[in-house]
Protein backbone atom coordinates (compact mmCIF):
# COMPACT_ATOMS: atom_id res chain seq x y z
CA MET A 1 -2.04 -0.90 28.50
CA ALA A 2 -4.18 -3.95 29.12
CA LYS A 3 -5.24 -6.03 26.12
CA SER A 4 -6.09 -4.35 22.84
CA LEU A 5 -9.68 -3.24 22.41
CA ALA A 6 -9.54 -3.37 18.60
CA GLY A 7 -12.76 -4.97 17.37
CA GLN A 8 -14.65 -3.98 20.50
CA PHE A 9 -17.51 -1.58 21.06
CA LEU A 10 -17.12 1.27 23.50
CA LEU A 11 -20.44 2.38 24.90
CA ALA A 12 -20.50 5.79 26.51
CA SER A 13 -21.36 5.51 30.18
CA PRO A 14 -24.34 7.64 31.26
CA THR A 15 -21.85 9.60 33.37
CA LEU A 16 -19.84 10.61 30.27
CA ILE A 17 -21.08 14.15 29.66
CA ASP A 18 -18.92 15.03 26.64
CA PRO A 19 -21.52 15.97 23.97
CA ASN A 20 -19.32 14.35 21.30
CA PHE A 21 -19.93 10.95 22.87
CA SER A 22 -23.19 11.02 24.87
CA ARG A 23 -24.89 7.63 24.40
CA ASN A 24 -22.55 6.78 21.56
CA VAL A 25 -21.23 3.45 20.39
CA VAL A 26 -17.67 3.54 19.08
CA LEU A 27 -16.18 0.71 17.05
CA ILE A 28 -12.51 0.56 18.01
CA ALA A 29 -10.32 -0.07 14.97
CA VAL A 30 -6.87 0.38 16.50
CA HIS A 31 -5.76 0.30 20.14
CA GLY A 32 -2.16 0.08 21.23
CA ASP A 33 0.49 1.70 23.37
CA ASP A 34 0.42 4.82 21.18
CA GLY A 35 -3.34 5.39 21.50
CA ALA A 36 -6.61 4.35 19.91
CA MET A 37 -8.83 5.18 16.95
CA GLY A 38 -12.41 4.29 16.10
CA VAL A 39 -15.64 5.54 14.57
CA VAL A 40 -18.93 6.43 16.20
CA LEU A 41 -21.55 4.11 14.71
CA ASN A 42 -24.78 5.70 15.89
CA ARG A 43 -24.60 9.36 14.87
CA PRO A 44 -26.07 9.77 11.41
CA SER A 45 -25.79 13.35 10.25
CA GLY A 46 -28.63 15.24 8.67
CA ALA A 47 -26.88 15.13 5.30
CA SER A 48 -27.04 12.30 2.79
CA VAL A 49 -23.99 11.03 0.96
CA ALA A 50 -25.30 12.71 -2.20
CA GLU A 51 -25.60 16.07 -0.41
CA ALA A 52 -22.41 15.98 1.61
CA VAL A 53 -20.01 14.14 -0.69
CA PRO A 54 -21.51 14.09 -4.21
CA SER A 55 -18.37 12.50 -5.63
CA LEU A 56 -19.10 9.36 -3.57
CA GLU A 57 -22.77 8.90 -4.35
CA GLN A 58 -21.92 6.12 -6.84
CA SER A 59 -19.81 4.33 -4.21
CA ALA A 60 -22.40 4.27 -1.43
CA ASP A 61 -26.15 4.55 -1.16
CA ALA A 62 -26.65 8.18 -2.17
CA LEU A 63 -29.60 8.53 0.22
CA GLU A 64 -27.82 7.04 3.25
CA PRO A 65 -26.61 9.63 5.72
CA VAL A 66 -22.98 10.43 6.24
CA PHE A 67 -22.25 9.39 9.82
CA ILE A 68 -20.41 11.63 12.26
CA GLY A 69 -17.49 9.36 13.05
CA GLY A 70 -16.11 11.54 15.83
CA PRO A 71 -14.66 14.93 16.62
CA VAL A 72 -11.18 14.31 15.19
CA GLN A 73 -10.61 15.61 11.64
CA PRO A 74 -14.35 16.12 10.96
CA SER A 75 -13.71 17.11 7.34
CA SER A 76 -11.97 13.80 6.52
CA ILE A 77 -13.99 10.99 4.96
CA ILE A 78 -13.63 7.42 6.20
CA PHE A 79 -15.08 4.31 4.58
CA LEU A 80 -16.06 1.26 6.61
CA GLY A 81 -16.98 -1.74 4.51
CA ASP A 82 -18.00 -5.37 4.66
CA TYR A 83 -15.40 -6.96 2.39
CA ILE A 84 -16.39 -9.76 0.03
CA ASP A 85 -12.80 -11.02 0.25
CA PRO A 86 -11.42 -9.96 3.66
CA SER A 87 -7.87 -9.93 2.28
CA ASP A 88 -8.85 -6.83 0.23
CA ALA A 89 -9.28 -4.74 3.41
CA GLY A 90 -6.46 -2.54 4.59
CA LEU A 91 -7.47 -3.11 8.23
CA LEU A 92 -9.96 -5.76 9.33
CA VAL A 93 -11.79 -5.02 12.55
CA VAL A 94 -14.57 -7.62 12.98
CA ASP A 95 -14.98 -10.66 10.72
CA SER A 96 -15.01 -9.29 7.15
CA ILE A 97 -15.65 -5.69 8.21
CA GLY A 98 -12.84 -3.19 8.00
CA PHE A 99 -11.28 -0.13 6.49
CA PRO A 100 -9.67 0.19 3.05
CA SER A 101 -5.96 0.71 2.69
CA PRO A 102 -4.98 4.39 2.31
CA ASP A 103 -4.11 3.91 -1.37
CA SER A 104 -7.45 2.28 -2.28
CA ASP A 105 -9.41 3.80 -5.11
CA VAL A 106 -13.09 4.59 -4.44
CA GLN A 107 -14.20 2.26 -7.26
CA ASP A 108 -12.07 -0.53 -5.78
CA ILE A 109 -13.80 -0.10 -2.42
CA GLU A 110 -17.20 -0.26 -4.08
CA SER A 111 -16.46 -3.48 -5.95
CA ALA A 112 -14.67 -5.10 -2.98
CA THR A 113 -17.48 -4.54 -0.44
CA SER A 114 -21.03 -5.77 -0.15
CA ARG A 115 -22.02 -2.80 1.99
CA ARG A 116 -20.30 0.30 3.24
CA ARG A 117 -20.79 3.37 5.40
CA ILE A 118 -19.20 6.76 5.10
CA PHE A 119 -18.05 8.68 8.16
CA ALA A 120 -16.94 12.27 8.58
CA GLY A 121 -14.15 12.30 11.13
CA HIS A 122 -13.21 9.74 13.74
CA ALA A 123 -12.68 9.28 17.47
CA GLY A 124 -9.11 9.27 18.70
CA TRP A 125 -7.20 8.94 21.95
CA GLY A 126 -3.56 9.63 22.73
CA GLU A 127 -1.17 7.36 24.59
CA GLY A 128 -2.90 5.92 27.68
CA GLN A 129 -5.90 8.24 27.36
CA LEU A 130 -8.53 5.62 26.51
CA ASP A 131 -7.26 3.24 29.20
CA ALA A 132 -7.57 6.03 31.78
CA GLU A 133 -11.11 6.88 30.60
CA ILE A 134 -12.16 3.23 30.88
CA GLU A 135 -10.63 2.96 34.35
CA ARG A 136 -12.53 6.11 35.36
CA GLY A 137 -15.78 4.50 34.19
CA ASP A 138 -16.43 6.70 31.15
CA TRP A 139 -16.77 3.72 28.80
CA ILE A 140 -18.34 0.27 28.88
CA THR A 141 -16.69 -2.32 26.64
CA GLU A 142 -18.48 -5.08 24.78
CA ASP A 143 -17.65 -7.43 21.93
CA ALA A 144 -18.65 -5.96 18.59
CA LEU A 145 -20.99 -8.10 16.52
CA ALA A 146 -20.82 -7.74 12.75
CA HIS A 147 -24.58 -7.43 12.26
CA GLU A 148 -24.74 -4.51 14.70
CA ILE A 149 -22.04 -2.48 12.96
CA PHE A 150 -24.31 -1.72 10.00
CA SER A 151 -27.47 -1.48 12.08
CA ASP A 152 -30.58 -0.33 10.23
CA ASP A 153 -31.58 1.51 13.41
CA PRO A 154 -28.35 3.24 14.49
CA GLU A 155 -30.06 5.61 16.93
CA ASP A 156 -31.10 2.60 19.05
CA LEU A 157 -27.72 0.84 18.89
CA TRP A 158 -26.50 2.07 22.31
CA GLY A 159 -29.56 0.63 24.06
CA ALA A 160 -29.57 -2.57 22.00
CA VAL A 161 -25.94 -3.39 22.84
CA LEU A 162 -26.50 -2.65 26.55
CA GLU A 163 -29.59 -4.90 26.49
CA ARG A 164 -27.49 -7.65 24.91
CA LYS A 165 -24.86 -7.20 27.63
CA GLY A 166 -27.61 -7.89 30.18
CA GLY A 167 -27.82 -7.47 33.94
CA SER A 168 -27.55 -3.92 35.26
CA TYR A 169 -26.50 -2.78 31.78
CA ALA A 170 -29.98 -3.66 30.49
CA LEU A 171 -31.37 -1.26 33.10
CA LEU A 172 -29.05 1.48 31.82
CA ALA A 173 -30.40 0.90 28.32
CA ARG A 174 -33.86 1.95 29.49
CA MET A 175 -32.70 4.94 31.53
CA PRO A 176 -33.97 8.25 30.13
CA LEU A 177 -31.42 10.79 28.93
CA ASP A 178 -32.52 13.06 31.76
CA PRO A 179 -33.30 10.84 34.81
CA SER A 180 -35.12 13.73 36.50
CA VAL A 181 -38.02 13.27 34.04
CA ASN A 182 -38.48 9.67 35.17
């Protein structure tokens, strides 16, 4: 394994045809010799928190969508929060943004964070899998910026991060999903 990608964005390359990740931006939370884990930031589901997880509507904006965090354990719920006191997070990823500890109570998460998102499932890779996918060109890496993690326009996040990366990546950002219609 090269250096850890924790705290980085993975942007799906246009050549990555897996429908779970097409034009997705994944925030990598953990990356080590045993594998990697992250959440897809730009796939809001069609269901609001109130509809999908009524028990959490007091802990998050009830009208905000539940995000599809990835294809692994899609029925599990994951919180990502911006912690008022970063030491309250179970796992910090970027600045004060991170995940609660497994034993955190929902009310504790609410009072400890200034904003939060709820994800159904996550993205995961086994030992060496992510490194091989990056080497093959399936993923583009870029530093994660805190203000982009909770983007108000998540559907445009992939293009916005590629634009920020600049150069030929900015051209990719403007490429249509189906280049034959260009």
